Amino acid sequence: MSAAKVMEISAESPEGFQTAIRNGMEQASKTVENIKGASVSVQKLKIENGKIAAYLVDIRVTFVLQ
């Protein structure tokens, strides 16, 4: 039997939501082993001077404990 844990991470990109998600997952996979899934729980925009400055995401990452 295995047990899993869910953690939430935040990431951002000036290019778009997909890039923010990719950046967050690449960083998470550098320090967390056995990642099995992820879901985006929040998408936000950072606005500066009436324009989009950054795309921000909160990601719930599921990984199996050893």
PDB file of N, CA and C in Angstrom:
ATOM      1  N   MET A   1       0.837  -1.177   0.000  1.00  0.00           N
ATOM      2  CA  MET A   1       0.000   0.000   0.000  1.00  0.00           C
ATOM      3  C   MET A   1       0.884   1.243   0.000  1.00  0.00           C
ATOM      4  N   SER A   2       0.472   2.259  -0.727  1.00  0.00           N
ATOM      5  CA  SER A   2       1.248   3.494  -0.758  1.00  0.00           C
ATOM      6  C   SER A   2       0.393   4.659  -0.262  1.00  0.00           C
ATOM      7  N   ALA A   3       1.072   5.693   0.138  1.00  0.00           N
ATOM      8  CA  ALA A   3       0.400   6.902   0.593  1.00  0.00           C
ATOM      9  C   ALA A   3       0.896   8.062  -0.258  1.00  0.00           C
ATOM     10  N   ALA A   4       0.005   9.002  -0.499  1.00  0.00           N
ATOM     11  CA  ALA A   4       0.360  10.162  -1.310  1.00  0.00           C
ATOM     12  C   ALA A   4       0.161  11.435  -0.503  1.00  0.00           C
ATOM     13  N   LYS A   5       0.851  12.457  -0.916  1.00  0.00           N
ATOM     14  CA  LYS A   5       0.729  13.762  -0.282  1.00  0.00           C
ATOM     15  C   LYS A   5       0.462  14.791  -1.377  1.00  0.00           C
ATOM     16  N   VAL A   6      -0.271  15.840  -1.023  1.00  0.00           N
ATOM     17  CA  VAL A   6      -0.557  16.929  -1.955  1.00  0.00           C
ATOM     18  C   VAL A   6       0.053  18.198  -1.382  1.00  0.00           C
ATOM     19  N   MET A   7       0.802  18.905  -2.219  1.00  0.00           N
ATOM     20  CA  MET A   7       1.351  20.196  -1.818  1.00  0.00           C
ATOM     21  C   MET A   7       0.903  21.225  -2.835  1.00  0.00           C
ATOM     22  N   GLU A   8       0.854  22.467  -2.426  1.00  0.00           N
ATOM     23  CA  GLU A   8       0.460  23.526  -3.354  1.00  0.00           C
ATOM     24  C   GLU A   8       1.651  24.437  -3.591  1.00  0.00           C
ATOM     25  N   ILE A   9       1.909  24.717  -4.860  1.00  0.00           N
ATOM     26  CA  ILE A   9       3.002  25.608  -5.220  1.00  0.00           C
ATOM     27  C   ILE A   9       2.437  26.768  -6.050  1.00  0.00           C
ATOM     28  N   SER A  10       3.170  27.850  -6.098  1.00  0.00           N
ATOM     29  CA  SER A  10       2.801  29.004  -6.915  1.00  0.00           C
ATOM     30  C   SER A  10       3.923  29.263  -7.908  1.00  0.00           C
ATOM     31  N   ALA A  11       3.551  29.670  -9.110  1.00  0.00           N
ATOM     32  CA  ALA A  11       4.539  29.974 -10.141  1.00  0.00           C
ATOM     33  C   ALA A  11       4.011  31.111 -10.999  1.00  0.00           C
ATOM     34  N   GLU A  12       4.933  31.759 -11.719  1.00  0.00           N
ATOM     35  CA  GLU A  12       4.509  32.850 -12.587  1.00  0.00           C
ATOM     36  C   GLU A  12       5.373  32.916 -13.831  1.00  0.00           C
ATOM     37  N   SER A  13       4.846  33.597 -14.825  1.00  0.00           N
ATOM     38  CA  SER A  13       5.569  33.808 -16.077  1.00  0.00           C
ATOM     39  C   SER A  13       5.031  35.073 -16.738  1.00  0.00           C
ATOM     40  N   PRO A  14       5.879  35.821 -17.422  1.00  0.00           N
ATOM     41  CA  PRO A  14       5.378  36.963 -18.175  1.00  0.00           C
ATOM     42  C   PRO A  14       4.776  36.551 -19.523  1.00  0.00           C
ATOM     43  N   GLU A  15       4.935  35.271 -19.888  1.00  0.00           N
ATOM     44  CA  GLU A  15       4.548  34.793 -21.220  1.00  0.00           C
ATOM     45  C   GLU A  15       3.148  34.200 -21.298  1.00  0.00           C
ATOM     46  N   GLY A  16       2.675  33.542 -20.234  1.00  0.00           N
ATOM     47  CA  GLY A  16       1.357  32.924 -20.294  1.00  0.00           C
ATOM     48  C   GLY A  16       1.168  31.883 -19.207  1.00  0.00           C
ATOM     49  N   PHE A  17      -0.080  31.407 -19.084  1.00  0.00           N
ATOM     50  CA  PHE A  17      -0.392  30.413 -18.050  1.00  0.00           C
ATOM     51  C   PHE A  17       0.355  29.099 -18.277  1.00  0.00           C
ATOM     52  N   GLN A  18       0.424  28.634 -19.536  1.00  0.00           N
ATOM     53  CA  GLN A  18       1.109  27.367 -19.808  1.00  0.00           C
ATOM     54  C   GLN A  18       2.574  27.423 -19.392  1.00  0.00           C
ATOM     55  N   THR A  19       3.220  28.532 -19.656  1.00  0.00           N
ATOM     56  CA  THR A  19       4.629  28.680 -19.275  1.00  0.00           C
ATOM     57  C   THR A  19       4.768  28.738 -17.761  1.00  0.00           C
ATOM     58  N   ALA A  20       3.848  29.400 -17.095  1.00  0.00           N
ATOM     59  CA  ALA A  20       3.888  29.444 -15.629  1.00  0.00           C
ATOM     60  C   ALA A  20       3.733  28.044 -15.046  1.00  0.00           C
ATOM     61  N   ILE A  21       2.810  27.261 -15.600  1.00  0.00           N
ATOM     62  CA  ILE A  21       2.617  25.877 -15.128  1.00  0.00           C
ATOM     63  C   ILE A  21       3.874  25.063 -15.369  1.00  0.00           C
ATOM     64  N   ARG A  22       4.426  25.165 -16.559  1.00  0.00           N
ATOM     65  CA  ARG A  22       5.650  24.419 -16.890  1.00  0.00           C
ATOM     66  C   ARG A  22       6.786  24.803 -15.951  1.00  0.00           C
ATOM     67  N   ASN A  23       6.963  26.108 -15.707  1.00  0.00           N
ATOM     68  CA  ASN A  23       8.024  26.573 -14.800  1.00  0.00           C
ATOM     69  C   ASN A  23       7.838  25.997 -13.398  1.00  0.00           C
ATOM     70  N   GLY A  24       6.613  26.045 -12.898  1.00  0.00           N
ATOM     71  CA  GLY A  24       6.341  25.523 -11.554  1.00  0.00           C
ATOM     72  C   GLY A  24       6.608  24.037 -11.442  1.00  0.00           C
ATOM     73  N   MET A  25       6.179  23.274 -12.440  1.00  0.00           N
ATOM     74  CA  MET A  25       6.374  21.822 -12.390  1.00  0.00           C
ATOM     75  C   MET A  25       7.846  21.448 -12.557  1.00  0.00           C
ATOM     76  N   GLU A  26       8.564  22.184 -13.387  1.00  0.00           N
ATOM     77  CA  GLU A  26      10.003  21.907 -13.537  1.00  0.00           C
ATOM     78  C   GLU A  26      10.739  22.164 -12.226  1.00  0.00           C
ATOM     79  N   GLN A  27      10.385  23.247 -11.532  1.00  0.00           N
ATOM     80  CA  GLN A  27      11.023  23.538 -10.244  1.00  0.00           C
ATOM     81  C   GLN A  27      10.650  22.479  -9.204  1.00  0.00           C
ATOM     82  N   ALA A  28       9.374  22.106  -9.157  1.00  0.00           N
ATOM     83  CA  ALA A  28       8.925  21.106  -8.182  1.00  0.00           C
ATOM     84  C   ALA A  28       9.634  19.781  -8.399  1.00  0.00           C
ATOM     85  N   SER A  29       9.803  19.375  -9.653  1.00  0.00           N
ATOM     86  CA  SER A  29      10.407  18.076  -9.932  1.00  0.00           C
ATOM     87  C   SER A  29      11.903  18.034  -9.605  1.00  0.00           C
ATOM     88  N   LYS A  30      12.518  19.195  -9.392  1.00  0.00           N
ATOM     89  CA  LYS A  30      13.926  19.218  -8.991  1.00  0.00           C
ATOM     90  C   LYS A  30      14.113  18.771  -7.540  1.00  0.00           C
ATOM     91  N   THR A  31      13.090  18.980  -6.698  1.00  0.00           N
ATOM     92  CA  THR A  31      13.246  18.663  -5.275  1.00  0.00           C
ATOM     93  C   THR A  31      12.259  17.630  -4.754  1.00  0.00           C
ATOM     94  N   VAL A  32      11.219  17.327  -5.520  1.00  0.00           N
ATOM     95  CA  VAL A  32      10.199  16.377  -5.071  1.00  0.00           C
ATOM     96  C   VAL A  32      10.228  15.160  -5.984  1.00  0.00           C
ATOM     97  N   GLU A  33      10.332  13.976  -5.380  1.00  0.00           N
ATOM     98  CA  GLU A  33      10.349  12.732  -6.154  1.00  0.00           C
ATOM     99  C   GLU A  33       8.951  12.125  -6.222  1.00  0.00           C
ATOM    100  N   ASN A  34       8.748  11.276  -7.186  1.00  0.00           N
ATOM    101  CA  ASN A  34       7.520  10.486  -7.340  1.00  0.00           C
ATOM    102  C   ASN A  34       6.273  11.339  -7.568  1.00  0.00           C
ATOM    103  N   ILE A  35       6.396  12.433  -8.328  1.00  0.00           N
ATOM    104  CA  ILE A  35       5.219  13.229  -8.665  1.00  0.00           C
ATOM    105  C   ILE A  35       4.341  12.396  -9.592  1.00  0.00           C
ATOM    106  N   LYS A  36       3.073  12.291  -9.249  1.00  0.00           N
ATOM    107  CA  LYS A  36       2.141  11.454 -10.012  1.00  0.00           C
ATOM    108  C   LYS A  36       1.058  12.250 -10.713  1.00  0.00           C
ATOM    109  N   GLY A  37       0.832  13.491 -10.302  1.00  0.00           N
ATOM    110  CA  GLY A  37      -0.208  14.284 -10.940  1.00  0.00           C
ATOM    111  C   GLY A  37      -0.201  15.704 -10.424  1.00  0.00           C
ATOM    112  N   ALA A  38      -0.951  16.549 -11.115  1.00  0.00           N
ATOM    113  CA  ALA A  38      -1.047  17.949 -10.709  1.00  0.00           C
ATOM    114  C   ALA A  38      -2.333  18.529 -11.272  1.00  0.00           C
ATOM    115  N   SER A  39      -2.849  19.536 -10.581  1.00  0.00           N
ATOM    116  CA  SER A  39      -4.003  20.264 -11.090  1.00  0.00           C
ATOM    117  C   SER A  39      -3.826  21.743 -10.758  1.00  0.00           C
ATOM    118  N   VAL A  40      -4.241  22.570 -11.678  1.00  0.00           N
ATOM    119  CA  VAL A  40      -4.154  24.013 -11.469  1.00  0.00           C
ATOM    120  C   VAL A  40      -5.388  24.429 -10.684  1.00  0.00           C
ATOM    121  N   SER A  41      -5.170  24.978  -9.496  1.00  0.00           N
ATOM    122  CA  SER A  41      -6.306  25.356  -8.655  1.00  0.00           C
ATOM    123  C   SER A  41      -6.698  26.822  -8.837  1.00  0.00           C
ATOM    124  N   VAL A  42      -5.737  27.679  -9.213  1.00  0.00           N
ATOM    125  CA  VAL A  42      -6.025  29.109  -9.375  1.00  0.00           C
ATOM    126  C   VAL A  42      -5.188  29.673 -10.521  1.00  0.00           C
ATOM    127  N   GLN A  43      -5.795  30.511 -11.323  1.00  0.00           N
ATOM    128  CA  GLN A  43      -5.080  31.291 -12.331  1.00  0.00           C
ATOM    129  C   GLN A  43      -5.365  32.764 -12.045  1.00  0.00           C
ATOM    130  N   LYS A  44      -4.297  33.574 -11.992  1.00  0.00           N
ATOM    131  CA  LYS A  44      -4.453  34.999 -11.692  1.00  0.00           C
ATOM    132  C   LYS A  44      -3.604  35.812 -12.664  1.00  0.00           C
ATOM    133  N   LEU A  45      -3.925  37.077 -12.771  1.00  0.00           N
ATOM    134  CA  LEU A  45      -3.137  37.996 -13.577  1.00  0.00           C
ATOM    135  C   LEU A  45      -2.578  39.096 -12.694  1.00  0.00           C
ATOM    136  N   LYS A  46      -1.346  39.460 -12.959  1.00  0.00           N
ATOM    137  CA  LYS A  46      -0.734  40.615 -12.296  1.00  0.00           C
ATOM    138  C   LYS A  46      -0.809  41.758 -13.306  1.00  0.00           C
ATOM    139  N   ILE A  47      -1.462  42.843 -12.932  1.00  0.00           N
ATOM    140  CA  ILE A  47      -1.684  43.968 -13.829  1.00  0.00           C
ATOM    141  C   ILE A  47      -0.836  45.161 -13.390  1.00  0.00           C
ATOM    142  N   GLU A  48      -0.143  45.752 -14.340  1.00  0.00           N
ATOM    143  CA  GLU A  48       0.635  46.966 -14.087  1.00  0.00           C
ATOM    144  C   GLU A  48       0.346  47.960 -15.197  1.00  0.00           C
ATOM    145  N   ASN A  49      -0.041  49.157 -14.836  1.00  0.00           N
ATOM    146  CA  ASN A  49      -0.358  50.217 -15.799  1.00  0.00           C
ATOM    147  C   ASN A  49      -1.399  49.777 -16.825  1.00  0.00           C
ATOM    148  N   GLY A  50      -2.368  49.008 -16.360  1.00  0.00           N
ATOM    149  CA  GLY A  50      -3.456  48.578 -17.223  1.00  0.00           C
ATOM    150  C   GLY A  50      -3.121  47.443 -18.174  1.00  0.00           C
ATOM    151  N   LYS A  51      -1.931  46.857 -18.034  1.00  0.00           N
ATOM    152  CA  LYS A  51      -1.514  45.766 -18.917  1.00  0.00           C
ATOM    153  C   LYS A  51      -1.110  44.549 -18.094  1.00  0.00           C
ATOM    154  N   ILE A  52      -1.201  43.382 -18.713  1.00  0.00           N
ATOM    155  CA  ILE A  52      -0.801  42.145 -18.038  1.00  0.00           C
ATOM    156  C   ILE A  52       0.713  42.130 -17.883  1.00  0.00           C
ATOM    157  N   ALA A  53       1.172  42.044 -16.640  1.00  0.00           N
ATOM    158  CA  ALA A  53       2.601  41.997 -16.345  1.00  0.00           C
ATOM    159  C   ALA A  53       3.079  40.567 -16.098  1.00  0.00           C
ATOM    160  N   ALA A  54       2.186  39.717 -15.581  1.00  0.00           N
ATOM    161  CA  ALA A  54       2.572  38.338 -15.304  1.00  0.00           C
ATOM    162  C   ALA A  54       1.332  37.465 -15.166  1.00  0.00           C
ATOM    163  N   TYR A  55       1.511  36.207 -15.489  1.00  0.00           N
ATOM    164  CA  TYR A  55       0.490  35.177 -15.325  1.00  0.00           C
ATOM    165  C   TYR A  55       0.901  34.334 -14.129  1.00  0.00           C
ATOM    166  N   LEU A  56      -0.003  34.196 -13.155  1.00  0.00           N
ATOM    167  CA  LEU A  56       0.311  33.475 -11.925  1.00  0.00           C
ATOM    168  C   LEU A  56      -0.619  32.277 -11.787  1.00  0.00           C
ATOM    169  N   VAL A  57      -0.068  31.156 -11.306  1.00  0.00           N
ATOM    170  CA  VAL A  57      -0.863  29.952 -11.089  1.00  0.00           C
ATOM    171  C   VAL A  57      -0.535  29.352  -9.730  1.00  0.00           C
ATOM    172  N   ASP A  58      -1.536  28.748  -9.126  1.00  0.00           N
ATOM    173  CA  ASP A  58      -1.343  27.901  -7.955  1.00  0.00           C
ATOM    174  C   ASP A  58      -1.613  26.482  -8.427  1.00  0.00           C
ATOM    175  N   ILE A  59      -0.687  25.578  -8.137  1.00  0.00           N
ATOM    176  CA  ILE A  59      -0.758  24.209  -8.632  1.00  0.00           C
ATOM    177  C   ILE A  59      -0.743  23.246  -7.445  1.00  0.00           C
ATOM    178  N   ARG A  60      -1.692  22.315  -7.441  1.00  0.00           N
ATOM    179  CA  ARG A  60      -1.716  21.253  -6.433  1.00  0.00           C
ATOM    180  C   ARG A  60      -0.983  20.051  -7.023  1.00  0.00           C
ATOM    181  N   VAL A  61       0.123  19.666  -6.397  1.00  0.00           N
ATOM    182  CA  VAL A  61       0.975  18.589  -6.891  1.00  0.00           C
ATOM    183  C   VAL A  61       0.833  17.363  -5.981  1.00  0.00           C
ATOM    184  N   THR A  62       0.542  16.221  -6.586  1.00  0.00           N
ATOM    185  CA  THR A  62       0.397  14.984  -5.830  1.00  0.00           C
ATOM    186  C   THR A  62       1.624  14.110  -6.051  1.00  0.00           C
ATOM    187  N   PHE A  63       2.214  13.630  -4.948  1.00  0.00           N
ATOM    188  CA  PHE A  63       3.359  12.739  -5.069  1.00  0.00           C
ATOM    189  C   PHE A  63       3.241  11.610  -4.049  1.00  0.00           C
ATOM    190  N   VAL A  64       3.823  10.462  -4.402  1.00  0.00           N
ATOM    191  CA  VAL A  64       3.757   9.268  -3.568  1.00  0.00           C
ATOM    192  C   VAL A  64       4.882   9.301  -2.561  1.00  0.00           C
ATOM    193  N   LEU A  65       4.554   9.043  -1.303  1.00  0.00           N
ATOM    194  CA  LEU A  65       5.564   8.994  -0.243  1.00  0.00           C
ATOM    195  C   LEU A  65       6.285   7.661  -0.281  1.00  0.00           C
ATOM    196  N   GLN A  66       7.547   7.702   0.076  1.00  0.00           N
ATOM    197  CA  GLN A  66       8.325   6.451   0.080  1.00  0.00           C
ATOM    198  C   GLN A  66       8.332   5.808   1.443  1.00  0.00           C
TER     199      GLN A  66
END
